[in-house]
PDB file of N, CA and C in Angstrom:
ATOM      1  N   MET A   1     175.606  52.552 224.256  1.00  0.00           N
ATOM      2  CA  MET A   1     175.161  53.352 222.983  1.00  0.00           C
ATOM      3  C   MET A   1     175.703  52.799 221.784  1.00  0.00           C
ATOM      4  N   ASN A   2     176.857  52.524 221.780  1.00  0.00           N
ATOM      5  CA  ASN A   2     177.603  51.924 220.611  1.00  0.00           C
ATOM      6  C   ASN A   2     176.918  50.539 220.199  1.00  0.00           C
ATOM      7  N   TYR A   3     176.469  49.828 221.179  1.00  0.00           N
ATOM      8  CA  TYR A   3     175.782  48.672 221.032  1.00  0.00           C
ATOM      9  C   TYR A   3     174.452  48.874 220.319  1.00  0.00           C
ATOM     10  N   LEU A   4     173.636  49.679 220.680  1.00  0.00           N
ATOM     11  CA  LEU A   4     172.377  50.126 219.970  1.00  0.00           C
ATOM     12  C   LEU A   4     172.655  50.546 218.571  1.00  0.00           C
ATOM     13  N   ILE A   5     173.721  51.344 218.279  1.00  0.00           N
ATOM     14  CA  ILE A   5     174.104  51.661 216.925  1.00  0.00           C
ATOM     15  C   ILE A   5     174.476  50.570 216.065  1.00  0.00           C
ATOM     16  N   LEU A   6     175.111  49.528 216.498  1.00  0.00           N
ATOM     17  CA  LEU A   6     175.491  48.302 215.860  1.00  0.00           C
ATOM     18  C   LEU A   6     174.567  47.424 215.550  1.00  0.00           C
ATOM     19  N   VAL A   7     173.512  47.170 216.591  1.00  0.00           N
ATOM     20  CA  VAL A   7     172.154  46.502 216.263  1.00  0.00           C
ATOM     21  C   VAL A   7     171.349  47.020 215.366  1.00  0.00           C
ATOM     22  N   ILE A   8     171.169  48.403 215.103  1.00  0.00           N
ATOM     23  CA  ILE A   8     170.436  49.098 214.068  1.00  0.00           C
ATOM     24  C   ILE A   8     171.219  49.027 212.907  1.00  0.00           C
ATOM     25  N   ALA A   9     172.490  49.178 212.875  1.00  0.00           N
ATOM     26  CA  ALA A   9     173.151  48.938 211.628  1.00  0.00           C
ATOM     27  C   ALA A   9     173.078  47.509 211.005  1.00  0.00           C
ATOM     28  N   GLY A  10     173.232  46.480 211.966  1.00  0.00           N
ATOM     29  CA  GLY A  10     172.984  45.206 211.514  1.00  0.00           C
ATOM     30  C   GLY A  10     171.439  44.962 210.895  1.00  0.00           C
ATOM     31  N   ILE A  11     170.605  45.336 211.553  1.00  0.00           N
ATOM     32  CA  ILE A  11     169.069  45.398 211.058  1.00  0.00           C
ATOM     33  C   ILE A  11     168.827  46.010 209.912  1.00  0.00           C
ATOM     34  N   ALA A  12     169.662  47.180 209.597  1.00  0.00           N
ATOM     35  CA  ALA A  12     169.461  47.784 208.322  1.00  0.00           C
ATOM     36  C   ALA A  12     170.056  47.131 207.056  1.00  0.00           C
ATOM     37  N   ILE A  13     171.363  46.501 207.503  1.00  0.00           N
ATOM     38  CA  ILE A  13     172.027  45.821 206.342  1.00  0.00           C
ATOM     39  C   ILE A  13     171.090  44.588 206.066  1.00  0.00           C
ATOM     40  N   THR A  14     170.664  44.134 207.015  1.00  0.00           N
ATOM     41  CA  THR A  14     169.954  42.654 206.792  1.00  0.00           C
ATOM     42  C   THR A  14     168.710  42.928 205.855  1.00  0.00           C
ATOM     43  N   ILE A  15     167.878  44.124 206.297  1.00  0.00           N
ATOM     44  CA  ILE A  15     166.854  44.465 205.515  1.00  0.00           C
ATOM     45  C   ILE A  15     167.192  44.824 204.114  1.00  0.00           C
ATOM     46  N   GLY A  16     168.308  45.609 204.040  1.00  0.00           N
ATOM     47  CA  GLY A  16     168.613  45.936 202.573  1.00  0.00           C
ATOM     48  C   GLY A  16     168.890  44.754 201.720  1.00  0.00           C
ATOM     49  N   ILE A  17     169.770  43.736 202.327  1.00  0.00           N
ATOM     50  CA  ILE A  17     170.038  42.702 201.447  1.00  0.00           C
ATOM     51  C   ILE A  17     168.786  41.844 201.122  1.00  0.00           C
ATOM     52  N   PHE A  18     167.875  41.680 202.024  1.00  0.00           N
ATOM     53  CA  PHE A  18     166.612  40.934 201.936  1.00  0.00           C
ATOM     54  C   PHE A  18     165.977  41.743 200.622  1.00  0.00           C
ATOM     55  N   VAL A  19     165.709  43.029 200.798  1.00  0.00           N
ATOM     56  CA  VAL A  19     164.858  43.611 199.817  1.00  0.00           C
ATOM     57  C   VAL A  19     165.531  43.715 198.539  1.00  0.00           C
ATOM     58  N   GLY A  20     166.788  43.807 198.548  1.00  0.00           N
ATOM     59  CA  GLY A  20     167.658  43.747 197.264  1.00  0.00           C
ATOM     60  C   GLY A  20     167.457  42.286 196.504  1.00  0.00           C
ATOM     61  N   ALA A  21     167.610  41.244 197.242  1.00  0.00           N
ATOM     62  CA  ALA A  21     167.336  40.085 196.759  1.00  0.00           C
ATOM     63  C   ALA A  21     166.057  39.691 196.233  1.00  0.00           C
ATOM     64  N   LEU A  22     165.254  40.300 197.020  1.00  0.00           N
ATOM     65  CA  LEU A  22     163.632  40.305 196.528  1.00  0.00           C
ATOM     66  C   LEU A  22     163.271  40.903 195.268  1.00  0.00           C
ATOM     67  N   ILE A  23     163.913  41.916 195.100  1.00  0.00           N
ATOM     68  CA  ILE A  23     163.727  42.854 193.749  1.00  0.00           C
ATOM     69  C   ILE A  23     164.378  41.942 192.557  1.00  0.00           C
ATOM     70  N   VAL A  24     165.702  41.443 192.829  1.00  0.00           N
ATOM     71  CA  VAL A  24     166.437  40.666 191.906  1.00  0.00           C
ATOM     72  C   VAL A  24     165.666  39.429 191.419  1.00  0.00           C
ATOM     73  N   TRP A  25     165.033  38.772 192.505  1.00  0.00           N
ATOM     74  CA  TRP A  25     164.265  37.748 192.190  1.00  0.00           C
ATOM     75  C   TRP A  25     162.920  37.920 191.401  1.00  0.00           C
ATOM     76  N   PHE A  26     162.167  39.034 191.861  1.00  0.00           N
ATOM     77  CA  PHE A  26     161.003  39.532 191.026  1.00  0.00           C
ATOM     78  C   PHE A  26     161.540  39.770 189.705  1.00  0.00           C
ATOM     79  N   ILE A  27     162.531  40.570 189.314  1.00  0.00           N
ATOM     80  CA  ILE A  27     162.909  40.954 187.934  1.00  0.00           C
ATOM     81  C   ILE A  27     163.271  39.623 187.139  1.00  0.00           C
ATOM     82  N   TYR A  28     163.963  38.728 187.783  1.00  0.00           N
ATOM     83  CA  TYR A  28     164.436  37.411 187.164  1.00  0.00           C
ATOM     84  C   TYR A  28     163.142  36.696 186.705  1.00  0.00           C
ATOM     85  N   PHE A  29     162.120  36.587 187.565  1.00  0.00           N
ATOM     86  CA  PHE A  29     160.912  35.738 187.000  1.00  0.00           C
ATOM     87  C   PHE A  29     159.991  36.693 186.102  1.00  0.00           C
ATOM     88  N   TRP A  30     160.052  37.801 186.210  1.00  0.00           N
ATOM     89  CA  TRP A  30     159.355  38.739 185.154  1.00  0.00           C
ATOM     90  C   TRP A  30     159.951  38.586 183.967  1.00  0.00           C
ATOM     91  N   ARG A  31     161.116  38.784 183.796  1.00  0.00           N
ATOM     92  CA  ARG A  31     162.035  38.541 182.427  1.00  0.00           C
ATOM     93  C   ARG A  31     161.762  37.180 181.801  1.00  0.00           C
ATOM     94  N   ARG A  32     161.585  36.025 182.602  1.00  0.00           N
ATOM     95  CA  ARG A  32     161.533  34.638 182.126  1.00  0.00           C
ATOM     96  C   ARG A  32     160.106  34.608 181.415  1.00  0.00           C
ATOM     97  N   ARG A  33     159.199  35.494 182.012  1.00  0.00           N
ATOM     98  CA  ARG A  33     157.754  35.286 181.222  1.00  0.00           C
ATOM     99  C   ARG A  33     157.830  36.090 180.046  1.00  0.00           C
ATOM    100  N   GLN A  34     158.470  37.008 179.702  1.00  0.00           N
ATOM    101  CA  GLN A  34     158.688  37.815 178.517  1.00  0.00           C
ATOM    102  C   GLN A  34     159.061  36.971 177.364  1.00  0.00           C
ATOM    103  N   ILE A  35     158.512  36.923 176.276  1.00  0.00           N
ATOM    104  CA  ILE A  35     158.725  36.421 175.087  1.00  0.00           C
ATOM    105  C   ILE A  35     159.470  37.442 174.025  1.00  0.00           C
ATOM    106  N   VAL A  36     160.608  37.174 173.641  1.00  0.00           N
ATOM    107  CA  VAL A  36     161.364  38.259 172.732  1.00  0.00           C
ATOM    108  C   VAL A  36     161.602  37.512 171.432  1.00  0.00           C
ATOM    109  N   ASP A  37     160.981  38.019 170.502  1.00  0.00           N
ATOM    110  CA  ASP A  37     160.814  37.348 169.232  1.00  0.00           C
ATOM    111  C   ASP A  37     161.065  38.417 168.134  1.00  0.00           C
ATOM    112  N   SER A  38     162.253  38.591 167.609  1.00  0.00           N
ATOM    113  CA  SER A  38     162.274  39.743 166.652  1.00  0.00           C
ATOM    114  C   SER A  38     162.286  39.082 165.263  1.00  0.00           C
ATOM    115  N   LEU A  39     161.938  37.770 165.087  1.00  0.00           N
ATOM    116  CA  LEU A  39     161.754  37.189 163.758  1.00  0.00           C
ATOM    117  C   LEU A  39     160.428  37.696 163.035  1.00  0.00           C
ATOM    118  N   ILE A  40     160.388  38.139 161.973  1.00  0.00           N
ATOM    119  CA  ILE A  40     159.201  38.657 161.127  1.00  0.00           C
ATOM    120  C   ILE A  40     158.617  37.486 160.280  1.00  0.00           C
ATOM    121  N   LYS A  41     157.579  37.213 160.341  1.00  0.00           N
ATOM    122  CA  LYS A  41     156.904  36.223 159.679  1.00  0.00           C
ATOM    123  C   LYS A  41     155.917  36.784 158.712  1.00  0.00           C
ATOM    124  N   ALA A  42     155.419  35.988 157.788  1.00  0.00           N
ATOM    125  CA  ALA A  42     154.484  36.706 156.630  1.00  0.00           C
ATOM    126  C   ALA A  42     153.020  37.007 157.435  1.00  0.00           C
ATOM    127  N   GLU A  43     152.813  36.245 158.300  1.00  0.00           N
ATOM    128  CA  GLU A  43     151.428  36.729 159.110  1.00  0.00           C
ATOM    129  C   GLU A  43     151.529  37.655 159.950  1.00  0.00           C
ATOM    130  N   ASP A  44     152.784  38.202 160.219  1.00  0.00           N
ATOM    131  CA  ASP A  44     152.989  39.451 160.900  1.00  0.00           C
ATOM    132  C   ASP A  44     152.617  40.734 160.154  1.00  0.00           C
ATOM    133  N   ILE A  45     152.928  40.669 158.935  1.00  0.00           N
ATOM    134  CA  ILE A  45     152.903  41.799 157.882  1.00  0.00           C
ATOM    135  C   ILE A  45     151.467  41.764 157.554  1.00  0.00           C
ATOM    136  N   ILE A  46     150.827  40.799 157.266  1.00  0.00           N
ATOM    137  CA  ILE A  46     149.278  40.815 156.712  1.00  0.00           C
ATOM    138  C   ILE A  46     148.428  41.644 157.550  1.00  0.00           C
ATOM    139  N   GLY A  47     147.668  42.546 157.027  1.00  0.00           N
ATOM    140  CA  GLY A  47     146.956  43.387 157.628  1.00  0.00           C
ATOM    141  C   GLY A  47     147.217  44.620 158.227  1.00  0.00           C
ATOM    142  N   LEU A  48     148.527  44.836 157.917  1.00  0.00           N
ATOM    143  CA  LEU A  48     148.900  46.184 158.321  1.00  0.00           C
ATOM    144  C   LEU A  48     148.992  47.370 157.229  1.00  0.00           C
ATOM    145  N   TYR A  49     148.965  48.370 157.708  1.00  0.00           N
ATOM    146  CA  TYR A  49     149.054  49.577 156.666  1.00  0.00           C
ATOM    147  C   TYR A  49     150.664  49.911 156.587  1.00  0.00           C
ATOM    148  N   ALA A  50     150.922  50.306 155.235  1.00  0.00           N
ATOM    149  CA  ALA A  50     152.269  50.645 154.844  1.00  0.00           C
ATOM    150  C   ALA A  50     152.371  52.182 153.987  1.00  0.00           C
ATOM    151  N   THR A  51     153.429  52.459 153.903  1.00  0.00           N
ATOM    152  CA  THR A  51     153.766  53.676 152.808  1.00  0.00           C
ATOM    153  C   THR A  51     154.633  53.308 151.676  1.00  0.00           C
ATOM    154  N   VAL A  52     154.131  53.835 150.532  1.00  0.00           N
ATOM    155  CA  VAL A  52     155.050  53.392 149.269  1.00  0.00           C
ATOM    156  C   VAL A  52     156.295  54.240 149.351  1.00  0.00           C
ATOM    157  N   GLU A  53     157.389  53.559 148.948  1.00  0.00           N
ATOM    158  CA  GLU A  53     158.613  54.447 149.000  1.00  0.00           C
ATOM    159  C   GLU A  53     159.167  54.387 147.690  1.00  0.00           C
ATOM    160  N   ILE A  54     159.045  53.339 146.671  1.00  0.00           N
ATOM    161  CA  ILE A  54     159.299  53.246 145.266  1.00  0.00           C
ATOM    162  C   ILE A  54     158.071  53.156 144.654  1.00  0.00           C
ATOM    163  N   PRO A  55     157.540  54.047 143.653  1.00  0.00           N
ATOM    164  CA  PRO A  55     156.298  53.868 143.111  1.00  0.00           C
ATOM    165  C   PRO A  55     156.207  52.499 142.071  1.00  0.00           C
ATOM    166  N   PHE A  56     154.995  52.200 141.866  1.00  0.00           N
ATOM    167  CA  PHE A  56     154.799  50.893 141.411  1.00  0.00           C
ATOM    168  C   PHE A  56     153.380  50.774 140.803  1.00  0.00           C
ATOM    169  N   ASN A  57     153.041  49.839 140.039  1.00  0.00           N
ATOM    170  CA  ASN A  57     151.594  49.644 139.380  1.00  0.00           C
ATOM    171  C   ASN A  57     151.468  47.993 139.222  1.00  0.00           C
ATOM    172  N   ALA A  58     150.438  47.544 138.455  1.00  0.00           N
ATOM    173  CA  ALA A  58     150.102  46.215 138.330  1.00  0.00           C
ATOM    174  C   ALA A  58     151.194  45.642 137.399  1.00  0.00           C
ATOM    175  N   ASP A  59     152.008  46.382 136.673  1.00  0.00           N
ATOM    176  CA  ASP A  59     152.980  45.717 135.872  1.00  0.00           C
ATOM    177  C   ASP A  59     154.307  45.843 136.265  1.00  0.00           C
ATOM    178  N   SER A  60     154.577  46.440 137.504  1.00  0.00           N
ATOM    179  CA  SER A  60     155.790  46.407 138.076  1.00  0.00           C
ATOM    180  C   SER A  60     155.867  46.220 139.502  1.00  0.00           C
ATOM    181  N   LYS A  61     157.049  46.120 139.975  1.00  0.00           N
ATOM    182  CA  LYS A  61     157.380  46.023 141.519  1.00  0.00           C
ATOM    183  C   LYS A  61     157.765  47.383 142.091  1.00  0.00           C
ATOM    184  N   GLY A  62     157.412  47.537 143.235  1.00  0.00           N
ATOM    185  CA  GLY A  62     157.904  48.814 144.099  1.00  0.00           C
ATOM    186  C   GLY A  62     158.277  48.418 145.430  1.00  0.00           C
ATOM    187  N   LYS A  63     158.329  49.375 146.177  1.00  0.00           N
ATOM    188  CA  LYS A  63     158.852  49.088 147.619  1.00  0.00           C
ATOM    189  C   LYS A  63     158.071  49.863 148.623  1.00  0.00           C
ATOM    190  N   ILE A  64     157.590  49.196 149.601  1.00  0.00           N
ATOM    191  CA  ILE A  64     156.858  49.801 150.854  1.00  0.00           C
ATOM    192  C   ILE A  64     157.668  49.732 152.055  1.00  0.00           C
ATOM    193  N   ARG A  65     157.230  50.755 153.104  1.00  0.00           N
ATOM    194  CA  ARG A  65     157.752  50.677 154.347  1.00  0.00           C
ATOM    195  C   ARG A  65     156.712  50.456 155.316  1.00  0.00           C
ATOM    196  N   VAL A  66     156.968  49.398 156.228  1.00  0.00           N
ATOM    197  CA  VAL A  66     155.922  49.000 157.203  1.00  0.00           C
ATOM    198  C   VAL A  66     156.527  48.979 158.602  1.00  0.00           C
ATOM    199  N   ASN A  67     155.802  49.508 159.408  1.00  0.00           N
ATOM    200  CA  ASN A  67     156.159  49.275 160.985  1.00  0.00           C
ATOM    201  C   ASN A  67     155.819  47.868 161.616  1.00  0.00           C
ATOM    202  N   ILE A  68     156.879  47.278 161.802  1.00  0.00           N
ATOM    203  CA  ILE A  68     156.351  45.558 162.352  1.00  0.00           C
ATOM    204  C   ILE A  68     157.299  45.484 163.600  1.00  0.00           C
ATOM    205  N   LYS A  69     156.477  45.151 164.701  1.00  0.00           N
ATOM    206  CA  LYS A  69     157.199  45.025 166.164  1.00  0.00           C
ATOM    207  C   LYS A  69     158.001  46.224 166.373  1.00  0.00           C
ATOM    208  N   GLY A  70     157.774  47.532 166.116  1.00  0.00           N
ATOM    209  CA  GLY A  70     158.554  48.572 166.563  1.00  0.00           C
ATOM    210  C   GLY A  70     159.726  48.730 165.663  1.00  0.00           C
ATOM    211  N   SER A  71     159.776  48.176 164.623  1.00  0.00           N
ATOM    212  CA  SER A  71     160.981  48.451 163.484  1.00  0.00           C
ATOM    213  C   SER A  71     160.494  48.792 162.203  1.00  0.00           C
ATOM    214  N   MET A  72     160.994  49.691 161.488  1.00  0.00           N
ATOM    215  CA  MET A  72     160.664  50.037 160.233  1.00  0.00           C
ATOM    216  C   MET A  72     161.156  48.965 159.152  1.00  0.00           C
ATOM    217  N   VAL A  73     160.458  48.311 158.261  1.00  0.00           N
ATOM    218  CA  VAL A  73     160.982  47.279 157.408  1.00  0.00           C
ATOM    219  C   VAL A  73     160.579  47.581 156.108  1.00  0.00           C
ATOM    220  N   ASP A  74     161.387  47.572 154.991  1.00  0.00           N
ATOM    221  CA  ASP A  74     161.065  47.820 153.637  1.00  0.00           C
ATOM    222  C   ASP A  74     160.816  46.274 153.053  1.00  0.00           C
ATOM    223  N   VAL A  75     159.697  46.423 152.243  1.00  0.00           N
ATOM    224  CA  VAL A  75     159.384  45.027 151.657  1.00  0.00           C
ATOM    225  C   VAL A  75     159.112  45.322 150.239  1.00  0.00           C
ATOM    226  N   ILE A  76     159.249  44.477 149.336  1.00  0.00           N
ATOM    227  CA  ILE A  76     158.914  44.531 147.906  1.00  0.00           C
ATOM    228  C   ILE A  76     157.383  44.496 147.822  1.00  0.00           C
ATOM    229  N   ALA A  77     156.659  45.198 146.787  1.00  0.00           N
ATOM    230  CA  ALA A  77     155.414  45.363 146.929  1.00  0.00           C
ATOM    231  C   ALA A  77     154.798  45.044 145.557  1.00  0.00           C
ATOM    232  N   ILE A  78     153.480  44.437 145.184  1.00  0.00           N
ATOM    233  CA  ILE A  78     153.041  44.222 144.004  1.00  0.00           C
ATOM    234  C   ILE A  78     151.493  44.479 144.404  1.00  0.00           C
ATOM    235  N   THR A  79     150.852  44.711 143.266  1.00  0.00           N
ATOM    236  CA  THR A  79     149.372  44.915 143.326  1.00  0.00           C
ATOM    237  C   THR A  79     148.596  44.305 142.192  1.00  0.00           C
ATOM    238  N   ASP A  80     147.320  44.015 142.366  1.00  0.00           N
ATOM    239  CA  ASP A  80     146.566  43.542 141.176  1.00  0.00           C
ATOM    240  C   ASP A  80     145.653  44.740 140.733  1.00  0.00           C
ATOM    241  N   GLU A  81     145.690  45.878 141.410  1.00  0.00           N
ATOM    242  CA  GLU A  81     144.977  47.075 141.087  1.00  0.00           C
ATOM    243  C   GLU A  81     145.486  47.719 139.811  1.00  0.00           C
ATOM    244  N   SER A  82     144.723  48.355 138.987  1.00  0.00           N
ATOM    245  CA  SER A  82     145.021  48.962 137.851  1.00  0.00           C
ATOM    246  C   SER A  82     145.585  50.353 138.113  1.00  0.00           C
ATOM    247  N   ARG A  83     145.610  50.796 139.085  1.00  0.00           N
ATOM    248  CA  ARG A  83     146.082  52.267 139.569  1.00  0.00           C
ATOM    249  C   ARG A  83     147.534  52.329 139.866  1.00  0.00           C
ATOM    250  N   GLU A  84     148.013  53.482 139.597  1.00  0.00           N
ATOM    251  CA  GLU A  84     149.707  53.754 140.047  1.00  0.00           C
ATOM    252  C   GLU A  84     149.530  53.987 141.328  1.00  0.00           C
ATOM    253  N   PHE A  85     150.682  53.341 142.071  1.00  0.00           N
ATOM    254  CA  PHE A  85     150.952  53.892 143.454  1.00  0.00           C
ATOM    255  C   PHE A  85     152.025  54.767 143.433  1.00  0.00           C
ATOM    256  N   ASN A  86     152.143  55.965 143.992  1.00  0.00           N
ATOM    257  CA  ASN A  86     153.151  56.896 144.174  1.00  0.00           C
ATOM    258  C   ASN A  86     153.860  57.034 145.523  1.00  0.00           C
ATOM    259  N   SER A  87     155.082  57.518 145.615  1.00  0.00           N
ATOM    260  CA  SER A  87     155.662  57.616 146.887  1.00  0.00           C
ATOM    261  C   SER A  87     154.787  58.348 147.866  1.00  0.00           C
ATOM    262  N   GLY A  88     154.668  57.972 149.119  1.00  0.00           N
ATOM    263  CA  GLY A  88     153.827  58.547 149.968  1.00  0.00           C
ATOM    264  C   GLY A  88     152.486  58.111 150.215  1.00  0.00           C
ATOM    265  N   ASP A  89     151.968  57.172 149.330  1.00  0.00           N
ATOM    266  CA  ASP A  89     150.615  56.646 149.322  1.00  0.00           C
ATOM    267  C   ASP A  89     150.622  55.609 150.426  1.00  0.00           C
ATOM    268  N   ARG A  90     149.441  55.588 151.052  1.00  0.00           N
ATOM    269  CA  ARG A  90     149.264  54.588 152.086  1.00  0.00           C
ATOM    270  C   ARG A  90     148.464  53.567 151.451  1.00  0.00           C
ATOM    271  N   VAL A  91     149.092  52.230 151.842  1.00  0.00           N
ATOM    272  CA  VAL A  91     148.496  50.915 151.286  1.00  0.00           C
ATOM    273  C   VAL A  91     148.108  49.855 152.481  1.00  0.00           C
ATOM    274  N   PHE A  92     147.330  48.950 152.231  1.00  0.00           N
ATOM    275  CA  PHE A  92     147.121  47.828 153.116  1.00  0.00           C
ATOM    276  C   PHE A  92     147.541  46.680 152.378  1.00  0.00           C
ATOM    277  N   ILE A  93     148.261  45.885 153.240  1.00  0.00           N
ATOM    278  CA  ILE A  93     148.776  44.581 152.884  1.00  0.00           C
ATOM    279  C   ILE A  93     147.785  43.479 153.106  1.00  0.00           C
ATOM    280  N   ILE A  94     147.389  42.834 151.850  1.00  0.00           N
ATOM    281  CA  ILE A  94     146.458  41.679 152.133  1.00  0.00           C
ATOM    282  C   ILE A  94     147.011  40.322 152.005  1.00  0.00           C
ATOM    283  N   GLN A  95     148.195  40.238 151.548  1.00  0.00           N
ATOM    284  CA  GLN A  95     148.709  38.791 151.272  1.00  0.00           C
ATOM    285  C   GLN A  95     150.122  38.914 150.962  1.00  0.00           C
ATOM    286  N   MET A  96     150.787  37.755 151.305  1.00  0.00           N
ATOM    287  CA  MET A  96     152.300  37.660 150.858  1.00  0.00           C
ATOM    288  C   MET A  96     152.254  36.573 149.873  1.00  0.00           C
ATOM    289  N   ARG A  97     153.025  36.892 148.853  1.00  0.00           N
ATOM    290  CA  ARG A  97     153.291  36.000 147.680  1.00  0.00           C
ATOM    291  C   ARG A  97     154.774  35.866 147.491  1.00  0.00           C
ATOM    292  N   GLU A  98     155.535  34.838 147.902  1.00  0.00           N
ATOM    293  CA  GLU A  98     156.875  34.604 147.467  1.00  0.00           C
ATOM    294  C   GLU A  98     157.707  35.823 147.970  1.00  0.00           C
ATOM    295  N   ASN A  99     157.585  36.117 149.235  1.00  0.00           N
ATOM    296  CA  ASN A  99     158.132  37.181 149.910  1.00  0.00           C
ATOM    297  C   ASN A  99     157.966  38.627 149.225  1.00  0.00           C
ATOM    298  N   LYS A 100     156.944  38.725 148.580  1.00  0.00           N
ATOM    299  CA  LYS A 100     156.190  40.080 148.218  1.00  0.00           C
ATOM    300  C   LYS A 100     155.037  40.417 148.734  1.00  0.00           C
ATOM    301  N   ALA A 101     154.646  41.680 149.160  1.00  0.00           N
ATOM    302  CA  ALA A 101     153.505  41.935 149.849  1.00  0.00           C
ATOM    303  C   ALA A 101     152.390  42.430 148.523  1.00  0.00           C
ATOM    304  N   LEU A 102     151.306  41.635 148.643  1.00  0.00           N
ATOM    305  CA  LEU A 102     150.197  42.289 147.687  1.00  0.00           C
ATOM    306  C   LEU A 102     149.452  43.258 148.365  1.00  0.00           C
ATOM    307  N   VAL A 103     149.294  44.417 147.855  1.00  0.00           N
ATOM    308  CA  VAL A 103     148.819  45.446 148.569  1.00  0.00           C
ATOM    309  C   VAL A 103     147.471  46.028 147.892  1.00  0.00           C
ATOM    310  N   VAL A 104     146.784  46.718 148.394  1.00  0.00           N
ATOM    311  CA  VAL A 104     145.598  47.444 147.753  1.00  0.00           C
ATOM    312  C   VAL A 104     145.713  49.027 148.445  1.00  0.00           C
ATOM    313  N   SER A 105     145.066  49.909 147.563  1.00  0.00           N
ATOM    314  CA  SER A 105     145.166  51.209 148.176  1.00  0.00           C
ATOM    315  C   SER A 105     144.248  51.396 149.451  1.00  0.00           C
ATOM    316  N   GLU A 106     144.556  52.307 150.215  1.00  0.00           N
ATOM    317  CA  GLU A 106     143.887  52.588 151.422  1.00  0.00           C
ATOM    318  C   GLU A 106     142.535  52.916 151.040  1.00  0.00           C
ATOM    319  N   ASP A 107     142.262  53.517 150.020  1.00  0.00           N
ATOM    320  CA  ASP A 107     140.948  54.270 149.554  1.00  0.00           C
ATOM    321  C   ASP A 107     139.887  53.118 149.213  1.00  0.00           C
ATOM    322  N   SER A 108     140.408  51.857 148.756  1.00  0.00           N
ATOM    323  CA  SER A 108     139.435  50.841 148.241  1.00  0.00           C
ATOM    324  C   SER A 108     139.045  50.098 149.442  1.00  0.00           C
ATOM    325  N   LEU A 109     139.517  50.348 150.444  1.00  0.00           N
ATOM    326  CA  LEU A 109     138.992  49.673 151.730  1.00  0.00           C
ATOM    327  C   LEU A 109     137.820  50.304 152.397  1.00  0.00           C
ATOM    328  N   MET A 110     137.371  51.562 152.015  1.00  0.00           N
ATOM    329  CA  MET A 110     136.419  52.335 152.516  1.00  0.00           C
ATOM    330  C   MET A 110     135.115  52.341 151.739  1.00  0.00           C
TER     331      MET A 110
END
């Protein structure tokens, strides 16, 4: 009777160690395949919609807030349009010029 319990306990421990090692192995290789890159480049910003935080127009600079890679980032914004952008307006980023986002109004895209 005691021998049977020891055999079953040994088999259970062996299977537990094997399955645990297999899970660790799968996690290790799955994590190696993931690419983690939090660096934000100009090409990541172009083509995104943003919200105006500090108003601006063609003669001044303002600030927009854009969601990039799961993070909210504030960027200096400029425009060539003749209209005034107010806080809360949605804009579309079309280009980066010297670390400033060139934007157009969301309405001009439609």
